[in-house]
Amino acid sequence: MTPKREVVIFHMPGCASCRAAGHFFSTRGFEVRWHDVSQSMAAKREMLAKAPGNRSVPVICFGELIKIGWQPEFWRGLLEENR
């Protein structure tokens, strides 16, 4: 059995980069868990704990890896290495 592929994206409504990141992961079979930092203070606190001092979205959590901003080339390279 293959391990569950999951990614967490801290986002805000209307964020085009957030939508692009979600689409990227979902089309590759990942379960995408969304945390809206504009509607949830708990989500905002969690994002700030994972990315101290950061005020921009998306913040993408893949296991222990945390990346701020949408960098599709980084993720393409990372996923190719893990196949």
C-alpha atoms as a PDB file:
ATOM      1  CA  MET A   1       0.000   0.000   0.000  1.00  0.00           C
ATOM      2  CA  THR A   2       1.402   3.405  -0.960  1.00  0.00           C
ATOM      3  CA  PRO A   3       1.491   6.131   1.690  1.00  0.00           C
ATOM      4  CA  LYS A   4      -1.139   8.835   1.493  1.00  0.00           C
ATOM      5  CA  ARG A   5       0.087  11.786  -0.527  1.00  0.00           C
ATOM      6  CA  GLU A   6      -1.062  14.940   1.199  1.00  0.00           C
ATOM      7  CA  VAL A   7      -0.201  18.603   1.052  1.00  0.00           C
ATOM      8  CA  VAL A   8      -1.440  21.461   3.227  1.00  0.00           C
ATOM      9  CA  ILE A   9      -1.871  24.890   1.667  1.00  0.00           C
ATOM     10  CA  PHE A  10      -2.393  27.985   3.774  1.00  0.00           C
ATOM     11  CA  HIS A  11      -4.252  30.410   1.514  1.00  0.00           C
ATOM     12  CA  MET A  12      -6.548  33.401   1.147  1.00  0.00           C
ATOM     13  CA  PRO A  13      -9.568  33.642  -1.167  1.00  0.00           C
ATOM     14  CA  GLY A  14      -8.769  35.111  -4.566  1.00  0.00           C
ATOM     15  CA  CYS A  15      -5.104  34.115  -4.464  1.00  0.00           C
ATOM     16  CA  ALA A  16      -4.204  32.951  -7.976  1.00  0.00           C
ATOM     17  CA  SER A  17      -0.940  31.365  -6.824  1.00  0.00           C
ATOM     18  CA  CYS A  18      -2.816  29.417  -4.159  1.00  0.00           C
ATOM     19  CA  ARG A  19      -5.292  28.096  -6.730  1.00  0.00           C
ATOM     20  CA  ALA A  20      -2.448  27.164  -9.096  1.00  0.00           C
ATOM     21  CA  ALA A  21      -0.671  25.266  -6.310  1.00  0.00           C
ATOM     22  CA  GLY A  22      -3.841  23.410  -5.359  1.00  0.00           C
ATOM     23  CA  HIS A  23      -4.506  22.473  -8.969  1.00  0.00           C
ATOM     24  CA  PHE A  24      -0.912  21.290  -9.424  1.00  0.00           C
ATOM     25  CA  PHE A  25      -1.084  18.942  -6.451  1.00  0.00           C
ATOM     26  CA  SER A  26      -4.637  17.691  -6.938  1.00  0.00           C
ATOM     27  CA  THR A  27      -3.982  16.748 -10.575  1.00  0.00           C
ATOM     28  CA  ARG A  28      -1.035  14.672  -9.366  1.00  0.00           C
ATOM     29  CA  GLY A  29      -3.161  12.663  -6.956  1.00  0.00           C
ATOM     30  CA  PHE A  30      -2.460  14.577  -3.755  1.00  0.00           C
ATOM     31  CA  GLU A  31      -5.088  15.217  -1.161  1.00  0.00           C
ATOM     32  CA  VAL A  32      -5.031  18.991  -0.697  1.00  0.00           C
ATOM     33  CA  ARG A  33      -6.001  20.325   2.718  1.00  0.00           C
ATOM     34  CA  TRP A  34      -6.838  24.008   2.593  1.00  0.00           C
ATOM     35  CA  HIS A  35      -6.423  26.404   5.538  1.00  0.00           C
ATOM     36  CA  ASP A  36      -7.935  29.848   4.936  1.00  0.00           C
ATOM     37  CA  VAL A  37      -5.884  32.314   6.990  1.00  0.00           C
ATOM     38  CA  SER A  38      -8.348  35.147   6.284  1.00  0.00           C
ATOM     39  CA  GLN A  39     -11.206  33.317   8.014  1.00  0.00           C
ATOM     40  CA  SER A  40      -9.469  31.362  10.768  1.00  0.00           C
ATOM     41  CA  MET A  41      -7.228  32.806  13.445  1.00  0.00           C
ATOM     42  CA  ALA A  42      -6.159  29.245  14.310  1.00  0.00           C
ATOM     43  CA  ALA A  43      -5.043  28.712  10.695  1.00  0.00           C
ATOM     44  CA  LYS A  44      -3.159  32.027  10.751  1.00  0.00           C
ATOM     45  CA  ARG A  45      -1.403  31.081  14.005  1.00  0.00           C
ATOM     46  CA  GLU A  46      -0.497  27.653  12.597  1.00  0.00           C
ATOM     47  CA  MET A  47       0.913  29.240   9.430  1.00  0.00           C
ATOM     48  CA  LEU A  48       2.976  31.711  11.470  1.00  0.00           C
ATOM     49  CA  ALA A  49       4.302  28.878  13.637  1.00  0.00           C
ATOM     50  CA  LYS A  50       5.434  27.008  10.516  1.00  0.00           C
ATOM     51  CA  ALA A  51       6.749  30.106   8.699  1.00  0.00           C
ATOM     52  CA  PRO A  52       7.644  32.676  11.386  1.00  0.00           C
ATOM     53  CA  GLY A  53       7.365  36.292  10.296  1.00  0.00           C
ATOM     54  CA  ASN A  54       5.737  35.389   6.987  1.00  0.00           C
ATOM     55  CA  ARG A  55       2.638  37.302   5.940  1.00  0.00           C
ATOM     56  CA  SER A  56       2.194  36.015   2.390  1.00  0.00           C
ATOM     57  CA  VAL A  57       0.414  33.034   0.892  1.00  0.00           C
ATOM     58  CA  PRO A  58       0.550  30.355  -0.194  1.00  0.00           C
ATOM     59  CA  VAL A  59       2.483  28.513   2.445  1.00  0.00           C
ATOM     60  CA  ILE A  60       2.785  24.908   1.314  1.00  0.00           C
ATOM     61  CA  CYS A  61       3.513  22.067   3.731  1.00  0.00           C
ATOM     62  CA  PHE A  62       4.630  18.730   2.312  1.00  0.00           C
ATOM     63  CA  GLY A  63       5.562  16.489   5.219  1.00  0.00           C
ATOM     64  CA  GLU A  64       8.264  18.391   7.102  1.00  0.00           C
ATOM     65  CA  LEU A  65       9.062  20.613   4.102  1.00  0.00           C
ATOM     66  CA  ILE A  66       7.566  24.113   4.228  1.00  0.00           C
ATOM     67  CA  LYS A  67       7.777  26.479   1.246  1.00  0.00           C
ATOM     68  CA  ILE A  68       6.541  30.043   1.095  1.00  0.00           C
ATOM     69  CA  GLY A  69       5.123  31.122  -2.249  1.00  0.00           C
ATOM     70  CA  TRP A  70       4.289  29.120  -5.340  1.00  0.00           C
ATOM     71  CA  GLN A  71       7.378  27.767  -7.093  1.00  0.00           C
ATOM     72  CA  PRO A  72       6.172  25.203  -9.649  1.00  0.00           C
ATOM     73  CA  GLU A  73       9.636  24.334 -10.971  1.00  0.00           C
ATOM     74  CA  PHE A  74      10.818  23.484  -7.451  1.00  0.00           C
ATOM     75  CA  TRP A  75       7.855  21.150  -6.907  1.00  0.00           C
ATOM     76  CA  ARG A  76       8.202  19.502 -10.329  1.00  0.00           C
ATOM     77  CA  GLY A  77      11.851  18.754  -9.563  1.00  0.00           C
ATOM     78  CA  LEU A  78      11.113  17.498  -6.059  1.00  0.00           C
ATOM     79  CA  LEU A  79       8.342  15.163  -7.176  1.00  0.00           C
ATOM     80  CA  GLU A  80      10.470  13.763  -9.996  1.00  0.00           C
ATOM     81  CA  GLU A  81      13.252  12.952  -7.511  1.00  0.00           C
ATOM     82  CA  ASN A  82      10.839  11.062  -5.258  1.00  0.00           C
ATOM     83  CA  ARG A  83       9.451   8.714  -7.915  1.00  0.00           C
END
